[in-house]
N, C-alpha and C. Protein backbone atom coordinates (compact mmCIF):
# COMPACT_ATOMS: atom_id res chain seq x y z
N MET A 1 66.12 41.75 -54.92
CA MET A 1 65.71 42.59 -53.78
C MET A 1 64.27 42.77 -53.77
N ILE A 2 63.44 42.51 -52.61
CA ILE A 2 62.32 42.57 -52.21
C ILE A 2 61.40 43.73 -52.27
N HIS A 3 62.21 45.01 -52.43
CA HIS A 3 61.43 46.28 -52.44
C HIS A 3 61.70 46.72 -53.63
N ASP A 4 62.07 45.98 -54.90
CA ASP A 4 62.21 46.33 -56.10
C ASP A 4 60.57 46.58 -56.76
N MET A 5 59.61 45.80 -56.09
CA MET A 5 58.14 45.62 -56.58
C MET A 5 57.78 47.08 -56.76
N LYS A 6 57.25 47.42 -57.96
CA LYS A 6 56.70 48.99 -58.38
C LYS A 6 55.53 49.31 -57.16
N TYR A 7 55.21 49.89 -55.96
CA TYR A 7 54.17 49.42 -54.99
C TYR A 7 54.24 51.07 -55.05
N ASP A 8 52.48 51.33 -55.01
CA ASP A 8 51.83 52.92 -54.93
C ASP A 8 50.43 52.82 -54.65
N THR A 9 50.20 53.11 -53.36
CA THR A 9 48.95 53.19 -52.65
C THR A 9 48.16 54.69 -52.96
N SER A 10 48.84 55.50 -53.83
CA SER A 10 47.85 56.87 -53.45
C SER A 10 46.83 56.84 -54.64
N VAL A 11 46.73 55.58 -55.31
CA VAL A 11 45.22 55.50 -56.10
C VAL A 11 44.11 55.10 -55.33
N LEU A 12 44.53 54.78 -54.33
CA LEU A 12 43.74 54.37 -53.13
C LEU A 12 42.42 55.26 -52.77
N ARG A 13 41.22 55.32 -52.68
CA ARG A 13 40.61 55.99 -52.42
C ARG A 13 40.30 56.31 -50.79
N ARG A 14 40.47 55.10 -50.09
CA ARG A 14 40.61 55.17 -48.80
C ARG A 14 42.11 54.81 -48.53
N GLN A 15 42.58 55.90 -47.93
CA GLN A 15 44.04 55.96 -47.86
C GLN A 15 44.26 55.24 -46.29
N ASP A 16 43.05 55.35 -45.42
CA ASP A 16 43.62 54.77 -44.13
C ASP A 16 43.31 53.38 -44.22
N ARG A 17 43.29 52.76 -45.44
CA ARG A 17 43.18 51.18 -45.87
C ARG A 17 44.50 51.24 -46.32
N ALA A 18 45.35 51.72 -46.98
CA ALA A 18 46.94 51.39 -47.68
C ALA A 18 47.39 50.57 -46.99
N LEU A 19 47.85 49.29 -47.35
CA LEU A 19 48.60 48.43 -46.96
C LEU A 19 49.88 48.78 -46.83
N PRO A 20 50.55 48.57 -45.77
CA PRO A 20 52.16 49.35 -46.00
C PRO A 20 52.83 48.35 -46.71
N ARG A 21 54.06 48.68 -47.35
CA ARG A 21 54.70 47.97 -48.62
C ARG A 21 55.64 46.51 -47.68
N GLU A 22 55.65 46.81 -46.29
CA GLU A 22 56.36 45.70 -46.11
C GLU A 22 55.50 44.51 -45.91
N GLU A 23 53.97 44.80 -45.75
CA GLU A 23 53.07 43.88 -45.58
C GLU A 23 52.83 43.35 -46.70
N ALA A 24 52.59 44.18 -47.95
CA ALA A 24 52.48 44.00 -48.94
C ALA A 24 53.18 43.01 -49.39
N CYS A 25 54.80 43.28 -49.46
CA CYS A 25 55.77 42.06 -49.91
C CYS A 25 55.40 40.88 -48.87
N GLU A 26 55.17 40.93 -47.78
CA GLU A 26 54.90 39.52 -47.12
C GLU A 26 53.78 38.87 -47.65
N LEU A 27 52.58 39.56 -47.87
CA LEU A 27 51.87 39.00 -48.59
C LEU A 27 52.12 37.97 -50.01
N LEU A 28 52.80 38.88 -50.50
CA LEU A 28 53.22 38.67 -51.84
C LEU A 28 53.93 37.45 -51.61
N GLN A 29 54.54 37.78 -50.92
CA GLN A 29 55.90 36.31 -50.66
C GLN A 29 55.17 34.92 -50.13
N ASN A 30 54.37 35.13 -49.45
CA ASN A 30 53.86 33.81 -48.82
C ASN A 30 52.28 33.17 -49.03
N SER A 31 51.76 33.93 -49.76
CA SER A 31 50.41 33.45 -50.23
C SER A 31 50.79 32.21 -51.35
N GLU A 32 49.89 31.39 -51.23
CA GLU A 32 50.07 30.08 -51.72
C GLU A 32 49.57 30.60 -53.50
N TYR A 33 48.41 31.12 -53.61
CA TYR A 33 47.97 31.15 -54.63
C TYR A 33 47.23 32.86 -55.11
N GLY A 34 47.02 33.19 -56.42
CA GLY A 34 46.21 34.35 -56.49
C GLY A 34 45.25 34.20 -57.78
N THR A 35 44.45 35.08 -58.27
CA THR A 35 43.82 34.99 -59.32
C THR A 35 44.40 35.87 -60.65
N LEU A 36 44.43 35.18 -61.61
CA LEU A 36 45.19 35.74 -63.12
C LEU A 36 43.94 36.25 -63.45
N CYS A 37 43.91 37.69 -63.70
CA CYS A 37 42.86 38.33 -64.49
C CYS A 37 43.28 38.68 -65.79
N MET A 38 42.62 38.25 -66.91
CA MET A 38 42.86 38.84 -68.52
C MET A 38 41.93 38.89 -69.17
N GLN A 39 42.16 39.59 -70.45
CA GLN A 39 41.08 39.74 -71.26
C GLN A 39 40.82 38.85 -72.13
N GLU A 40 39.53 38.28 -72.57
CA GLU A 40 39.42 37.13 -73.40
C GLU A 40 39.30 37.88 -74.81
N ILE A 41 39.44 37.10 -75.72
CA ILE A 41 39.47 37.29 -77.25
C ILE A 41 38.39 38.17 -77.85
N GLY A 42 37.00 37.61 -77.45
CA GLY A 42 36.23 38.13 -77.86
C GLY A 42 35.46 39.47 -77.12
N GLY A 43 36.13 39.87 -75.78
CA GLY A 43 35.75 40.43 -75.28
C GLY A 43 35.33 40.15 -73.58
N GLY A 44 35.24 40.90 -72.85
CA GLY A 44 34.89 40.12 -71.56
C GLY A 44 36.31 39.75 -70.94
N GLY A 45 36.30 39.57 -69.20
CA GLY A 45 37.26 39.26 -68.57
C GLY A 45 37.39 37.55 -68.43
N TYR A 46 38.64 37.05 -67.76
CA TYR A 46 38.64 35.68 -67.66
C TYR A 46 39.70 35.79 -66.19
N GLY A 47 39.18 35.28 -65.32
CA GLY A 47 39.99 35.12 -64.39
C GLY A 47 40.36 33.71 -64.05
N ILE A 48 41.22 33.27 -63.33
CA ILE A 48 41.75 31.72 -62.96
C ILE A 48 42.49 31.56 -61.56
N PRO A 49 42.52 30.80 -60.66
CA PRO A 49 43.26 30.98 -59.64
C PRO A 49 44.14 30.07 -59.96
N LEU A 50 46.04 30.40 -59.53
CA LEU A 50 46.79 29.79 -59.92
C LEU A 50 47.85 29.91 -58.57
N ASN A 51 48.47 28.77 -58.18
CA ASN A 51 49.70 28.76 -57.42
C ASN A 51 50.87 29.62 -58.48
N TYR A 52 51.84 30.40 -57.16
CA TYR A 52 52.79 31.32 -58.00
C TYR A 52 53.72 31.21 -57.38
N VAL A 53 54.71 32.22 -57.57
CA VAL A 53 55.83 32.58 -56.66
C VAL A 53 56.66 33.83 -57.17
N TRP A 54 56.66 34.64 -56.26
CA TRP A 54 57.26 35.91 -56.74
C TRP A 54 59.00 35.81 -56.48
N ASP A 55 59.41 36.17 -57.54
CA ASP A 55 61.15 36.32 -57.23
C ASP A 55 61.80 37.55 -56.38
N GLY A 56 61.02 38.12 -55.74
CA GLY A 56 61.39 39.04 -54.61
C GLY A 56 61.65 40.36 -55.49
N GLY A 57 61.47 40.26 -56.60
CA GLY A 57 61.99 41.57 -57.34
C GLY A 57 60.54 42.15 -58.14
N GLU A 58 60.80 41.84 -59.84
CA GLU A 58 59.98 42.27 -60.67
C GLU A 58 59.23 41.19 -61.20
N CYS A 59 59.11 39.91 -60.81
CA CYS A 59 58.67 39.07 -61.79
C CYS A 59 57.86 38.23 -60.96
N LEU A 60 56.45 37.50 -61.05
CA LEU A 60 56.01 36.57 -60.81
C LEU A 60 55.79 35.01 -61.75
N TYR A 61 55.96 34.14 -61.26
CA TYR A 61 56.04 32.90 -62.06
C TYR A 61 55.03 31.95 -61.65
N MET A 62 54.32 31.36 -62.91
CA MET A 62 52.88 30.59 -62.61
C MET A 62 53.30 29.16 -63.73
N HIS A 63 52.95 27.88 -63.14
CA HIS A 63 53.27 26.98 -64.17
C HIS A 63 51.81 26.64 -64.66
N CYS A 64 51.48 26.14 -66.05
CA CYS A 64 50.20 25.84 -66.32
C CYS A 64 50.77 24.04 -67.74
N ALA A 65 49.86 24.01 -68.07
CA ALA A 65 49.60 23.08 -69.24
C ALA A 65 50.36 24.21 -70.29
N PRO A 66 50.93 23.69 -71.38
CA PRO A 66 51.46 24.29 -72.56
C PRO A 66 50.72 24.96 -73.42
N LEU A 67 49.11 24.45 -73.16
CA LEU A 67 47.69 25.06 -74.30
C LEU A 67 46.72 25.08 -73.22
N GLY A 68 46.02 25.91 -73.60
CA GLY A 68 44.72 26.31 -73.15
C GLY A 68 44.17 27.58 -73.36
N HIS A 69 43.06 27.93 -72.65
CA HIS A 69 42.55 29.18 -72.80
C HIS A 69 42.99 30.44 -72.38
N LYS A 70 43.89 30.23 -71.15
CA LYS A 70 44.62 31.33 -70.48
C LYS A 70 45.71 31.79 -71.36
N LEU A 71 46.43 30.67 -72.13
CA LEU A 71 47.59 31.06 -73.08
C LEU A 71 47.07 31.74 -74.16
N ASP A 72 45.72 31.35 -74.54
CA ASP A 72 44.96 32.18 -75.49
C ASP A 72 45.21 33.53 -75.48
N CYS A 73 44.58 33.60 -74.30
CA CYS A 73 44.04 35.12 -73.56
C CYS A 73 45.20 35.67 -73.69
N LEU A 74 46.44 35.09 -72.99
CA LEU A 74 47.50 36.12 -73.11
C LEU A 74 48.10 36.31 -74.47
N ALA A 75 47.75 35.33 -75.21
CA ALA A 75 48.63 35.81 -76.45
C ALA A 75 48.01 36.90 -77.24
N HIS A 76 46.25 36.93 -76.92
CA HIS A 76 45.49 38.18 -77.07
C HIS A 76 46.08 39.28 -76.48
N SER A 77 46.02 39.25 -75.08
CA SER A 77 46.55 40.61 -74.49
C SER A 77 47.36 40.44 -73.13
N SER A 78 48.90 40.97 -73.16
CA SER A 78 49.51 40.61 -72.23
C SER A 78 49.45 41.45 -70.99
N ARG A 79 48.33 42.24 -71.18
CA ARG A 79 48.12 42.96 -69.68
C ARG A 79 47.00 42.12 -68.84
N VAL A 80 47.54 42.30 -67.72
CA VAL A 80 47.17 41.53 -66.78
C VAL A 80 47.00 42.17 -65.48
N THR A 81 46.35 41.49 -64.48
CA THR A 81 46.21 41.88 -63.05
C THR A 81 46.28 40.56 -62.32
N PHE A 82 46.88 40.52 -61.11
CA PHE A 82 46.93 39.05 -60.31
C PHE A 82 46.69 39.73 -59.23
N VAL A 83 45.44 39.14 -58.40
CA VAL A 83 44.82 39.40 -57.15
C VAL A 83 45.56 38.39 -56.19
N ILE A 84 46.13 39.06 -55.29
CA ILE A 84 46.35 37.90 -53.76
C ILE A 84 45.56 38.37 -52.62
N THR A 85 44.65 37.48 -52.07
CA THR A 85 44.16 37.91 -50.88
C THR A 85 44.83 37.05 -49.79
N GLY A 86 44.69 37.67 -48.70
CA GLY A 86 45.28 37.05 -47.50
C GLY A 86 44.14 36.51 -46.51
N ALA A 87 44.20 36.12 -45.42
CA ALA A 87 43.16 35.66 -44.80
C ALA A 87 42.21 36.70 -44.69
N ASN A 88 41.07 36.30 -44.64
CA ASN A 88 39.91 37.15 -44.14
C ASN A 88 38.78 36.93 -42.72
N CYS A 89 38.25 37.55 -42.53
CA CYS A 89 37.35 37.14 -41.61
C CYS A 89 35.89 38.36 -41.60
N ILE A 90 34.98 37.83 -41.65
CA ILE A 90 33.97 38.24 -41.65
C ILE A 90 33.60 38.93 -40.46
N LEU A 91 33.23 40.24 -39.90
CA LEU A 91 32.70 40.79 -39.08
C LEU A 91 31.21 41.24 -38.89
N PRO A 92 30.21 40.44 -38.50
CA PRO A 92 29.07 40.41 -38.64
C PRO A 92 28.58 41.63 -38.22
N GLU A 93 29.08 41.67 -36.46
CA GLU A 93 28.41 42.96 -36.00
C GLU A 93 28.66 43.98 -36.68
N LYS A 94 29.45 44.36 -37.37
CA LYS A 94 29.92 45.31 -38.48
C LYS A 94 29.65 45.50 -39.83
N PHE A 95 28.84 44.49 -40.31
CA PHE A 95 28.55 44.19 -41.39
C PHE A 95 29.40 44.24 -42.45
N SER A 96 30.98 43.95 -42.27
CA SER A 96 32.25 44.23 -43.09
C SER A 96 33.10 42.93 -43.04
N THR A 97 34.31 42.89 -43.70
CA THR A 97 35.01 41.91 -43.58
C THR A 97 36.40 42.65 -43.22
N ALA A 98 37.16 42.01 -42.43
CA ALA A 98 38.45 42.27 -42.40
C ALA A 98 39.47 41.29 -43.24
N TYR A 99 40.44 42.13 -43.68
CA TYR A 99 40.88 41.57 -45.03
C TYR A 99 42.41 42.20 -45.70
N ALA A 100 43.17 41.60 -46.06
CA ALA A 100 44.47 42.32 -46.50
C ALA A 100 44.87 41.53 -48.04
N SER A 101 44.50 42.57 -49.03
CA SER A 101 44.78 42.02 -50.19
C SER A 101 45.95 42.79 -51.34
N VAL A 102 46.50 42.35 -52.01
CA VAL A 102 47.55 43.00 -53.12
C VAL A 102 46.85 42.78 -54.76
N LEU A 103 46.87 44.06 -55.16
CA LEU A 103 46.57 43.74 -56.80
C LEU A 103 47.98 44.14 -57.31
N VAL A 104 48.61 43.32 -58.33
CA VAL A 104 50.00 43.35 -59.02
C VAL A 104 49.13 43.45 -60.60
N HIS A 105 49.83 44.44 -61.23
CA HIS A 105 49.53 44.50 -62.53
C HIS A 105 50.72 44.52 -63.64
N GLY A 106 50.81 44.00 -64.61
CA GLY A 106 51.73 43.85 -65.52
C GLY A 106 51.82 42.87 -66.87
N GLU A 107 52.59 42.48 -67.50
CA GLU A 107 52.60 42.08 -68.86
C GLU A 107 52.98 40.71 -68.52
N ALA A 108 52.27 39.64 -69.05
CA ALA A 108 52.41 38.21 -68.44
C ALA A 108 52.86 37.38 -70.08
N GLN A 109 53.85 37.03 -69.98
CA GLN A 109 54.15 35.94 -71.14
C GLN A 109 54.75 34.82 -70.93
N VAL A 110 54.57 33.82 -71.57
CA VAL A 110 55.03 32.34 -71.88
C VAL A 110 56.65 32.47 -71.92
N VAL A 111 57.52 31.83 -70.96
CA VAL A 111 58.33 31.80 -70.75
C VAL A 111 58.93 30.64 -71.86
N THR A 112 59.70 31.15 -72.62
CA THR A 112 60.38 30.15 -73.68
C THR A 112 61.85 29.73 -73.66
N ASP A 113 62.45 30.47 -72.95
CA ASP A 113 64.08 29.97 -72.32
C ASP A 113 63.78 28.97 -71.49
N GLU A 114 64.62 27.82 -71.77
CA GLU A 114 64.30 26.50 -71.04
C GLU A 114 65.02 27.07 -69.82
N GLU A 115 66.16 27.70 -69.32
CA GLU A 115 66.76 27.65 -68.02
C GLU A 115 66.10 29.05 -67.09
N GLU A 116 65.25 29.95 -67.48
CA GLU A 116 64.56 30.56 -67.15
C GLU A 116 63.13 29.93 -66.42
N LYS A 117 62.99 28.88 -67.10
CA LYS A 117 61.68 27.80 -67.17
C LYS A 117 62.10 26.94 -65.85
N ILE A 118 63.29 26.16 -66.02
CA ILE A 118 63.79 25.84 -65.10
C ILE A 118 63.74 26.50 -63.51
N HIS A 119 64.34 27.47 -63.59
CA HIS A 119 64.60 28.65 -62.64
C HIS A 119 63.07 28.86 -61.83
N ALA A 120 62.22 28.99 -62.85
CA ALA A 120 60.78 29.46 -61.88
C ALA A 120 60.51 27.92 -61.15
N LEU A 121 60.62 27.07 -62.07
CA LEU A 121 59.96 25.97 -61.61
C LEU A 121 60.58 25.54 -60.33
N ARG A 122 62.08 25.82 -60.17
CA ARG A 122 62.62 25.67 -58.63
C ARG A 122 61.99 26.51 -57.87
N LEU A 123 61.90 27.44 -57.98
CA LEU A 123 61.16 28.51 -57.16
C LEU A 123 60.13 28.05 -56.54
N LEU A 124 59.29 27.56 -57.46
CA LEU A 124 57.84 27.02 -57.44
C LEU A 124 57.82 25.86 -56.12
N ILE A 125 58.56 25.09 -56.60
CA ILE A 125 59.21 23.79 -55.72
C ILE A 125 59.30 24.29 -54.20
N GLN A 126 60.53 25.38 -54.22
CA GLN A 126 61.05 25.81 -52.93
C GLN A 126 59.95 26.58 -52.03
N LYS A 127 58.79 27.45 -52.65
CA LYS A 127 58.10 27.86 -52.08
C LYS A 127 56.92 26.91 -51.36
N LEU A 128 56.36 26.12 -52.47
CA LEU A 128 55.20 25.10 -52.27
C LEU A 128 55.16 23.91 -51.48
N THR A 129 56.63 23.36 -52.10
CA THR A 129 56.66 21.83 -51.58
C THR A 129 58.57 21.82 -51.25
N PRO A 130 58.85 22.28 -50.27
CA PRO A 130 60.28 22.50 -50.28
C PRO A 130 60.95 21.04 -49.40
N GLN A 131 59.73 20.28 -49.03
CA GLN A 131 60.17 19.33 -48.35
C GLN A 131 60.29 17.99 -49.78
N GLU A 132 60.35 18.54 -50.77
CA GLU A 132 60.23 17.79 -51.97
C GLU A 132 61.15 17.71 -52.90
N ALA A 133 62.12 18.67 -52.59
CA ALA A 133 62.89 19.33 -53.34
C ALA A 133 63.95 18.29 -54.10
N HIS A 134 64.22 17.07 -53.56
CA HIS A 134 64.93 16.32 -54.39
C HIS A 134 64.27 15.67 -55.54
N ARG A 135 62.93 14.92 -55.29
CA ARG A 135 61.94 14.72 -56.19
C ARG A 135 61.65 15.67 -57.10
N GLY A 136 61.67 16.82 -56.43
CA GLY A 136 60.91 18.24 -57.54
C GLY A 136 62.22 18.43 -58.88
N GLU A 137 63.18 18.25 -58.33
CA GLU A 137 64.11 18.25 -59.48
C GLU A 137 64.42 17.04 -60.26
N GLN A 138 64.08 15.77 -60.19
CA GLN A 138 63.51 15.10 -60.93
C GLN A 138 62.42 14.95 -61.88
N TYR A 139 61.27 15.72 -61.29
CA TYR A 139 60.04 15.90 -61.80
C TYR A 139 60.49 17.38 -63.00
N ILE A 140 61.04 17.87 -62.63
CA ILE A 140 61.49 19.20 -63.44
C ILE A 140 62.11 18.67 -64.68
N ALA A 141 62.86 17.66 -64.61
CA ALA A 141 64.13 17.05 -65.52
C ALA A 141 63.18 16.11 -66.72
N ARG A 142 62.10 15.68 -65.74
CA ARG A 142 61.09 14.98 -66.62
C ARG A 142 60.13 15.66 -67.25
N ALA A 143 59.41 16.67 -66.62
CA ALA A 143 58.63 17.50 -67.23
C ALA A 143 58.63 19.01 -67.92
N VAL A 144 59.74 19.31 -67.93
CA VAL A 144 60.02 21.11 -68.35
C VAL A 144 59.63 20.90 -69.94
N GLN A 145 59.93 20.02 -70.63
CA GLN A 145 59.23 20.24 -71.86
C GLN A 145 57.72 20.45 -71.95
N ALA A 146 56.90 19.70 -70.91
CA ALA A 146 55.50 19.39 -71.36
C ALA A 146 55.00 20.32 -70.22
N THR A 147 55.80 21.39 -69.49
CA THR A 147 55.18 22.26 -68.55
C THR A 147 55.38 23.67 -69.12
N GLY A 148 54.05 24.07 -69.07
CA GLY A 148 54.32 25.93 -69.71
C GLY A 148 54.39 26.73 -68.41
N VAL A 149 54.99 27.79 -68.33
CA VAL A 149 55.56 28.76 -67.09
C VAL A 149 55.22 30.27 -67.74
N ILE A 150 54.46 30.95 -66.81
CA ILE A 150 53.92 32.50 -67.37
C ILE A 150 54.83 32.84 -66.25
N ARG A 151 55.81 34.38 -67.22
CA ARG A 151 56.30 35.40 -66.24
C ARG A 151 55.60 36.53 -66.19
N LEU A 152 54.95 36.88 -65.00
CA LEU A 152 54.20 38.43 -65.27
C LEU A 152 55.37 39.08 -64.55
N ARG A 153 55.81 40.33 -65.48
CA ARG A 153 56.83 41.05 -64.98
C ARG A 153 55.83 42.26 -64.65
N ILE A 154 56.23 42.82 -62.81
CA ILE A 154 55.63 43.71 -62.74
C ILE A 154 55.54 45.03 -62.91
N THR A 155 54.43 45.73 -63.44
CA THR A 155 54.70 47.35 -63.69
C THR A 155 54.15 48.15 -62.70
N GLY A 156 53.14 47.37 -61.78
CA GLY A 156 52.77 48.38 -60.45
C GLY A 156 52.23 47.56 -59.80
N SER A 157 52.11 47.80 -58.29
CA SER A 157 51.19 46.66 -57.34
C SER A 157 50.64 47.92 -56.38
N CYS A 158 49.59 47.56 -55.75
CA CYS A 158 48.93 48.33 -54.72
C CYS A 158 48.45 47.31 -53.56
N GLY A 159 48.40 47.60 -52.16
CA GLY A 159 47.61 46.90 -51.41
C GLY A 159 46.67 47.74 -50.29
N LYS A 160 45.97 46.95 -49.96
CA LYS A 160 44.93 47.38 -49.24
C LYS A 160 44.46 46.55 -48.20
N ALA A 161 44.20 47.19 -46.79
CA ALA A 161 43.55 46.22 -45.84
C ALA A 161 42.49 46.79 -45.01
N HIS A 162 41.76 46.00 -44.23
CA HIS A 162 40.64 46.59 -43.03
C HIS A 162 41.22 45.60 -42.11
N ARG A 163 41.46 46.14 -41.12
CA ARG A 163 41.55 45.51 -39.94
C ARG A 163 40.42 45.35 -39.25
N ALA A 164 40.74 44.12 -38.33
CA ALA A 164 39.33 43.70 -37.41
C ALA A 164 39.29 45.04 -36.27
């Protein structure tokens, strides 16, 4: 169910810019990518843009290589933020920007269950390349063992917008 996402805009200083839940859900459902923000092992932050899919409930899924810096960061600390930004527009006459964005907070883990991995990869194909569903199934069968999948379990989210 799409409204299972834990959504709270009460933390915003500018309540007049709170993004309504329905618009936040639409942005989360339809955006192609977001930026996964993690903590590096030695301190500091690390953010990387990734394609993702939302399951309509409490999880986002991303695919990746089975090894790498982001997985090292997640092994160090599973607490992450994922930032999705919709279309924006510079408003030069106002020295401002019109935008909409959603921040998702949660716990990210590498998916080890093969059925869940296949499910996540199918969701990604349905969202990003639905016209290639048949070839996508063939790709999944060939590459599932060599493909990493990250599950971000949503613990909270908030959306904000500035209208033109």
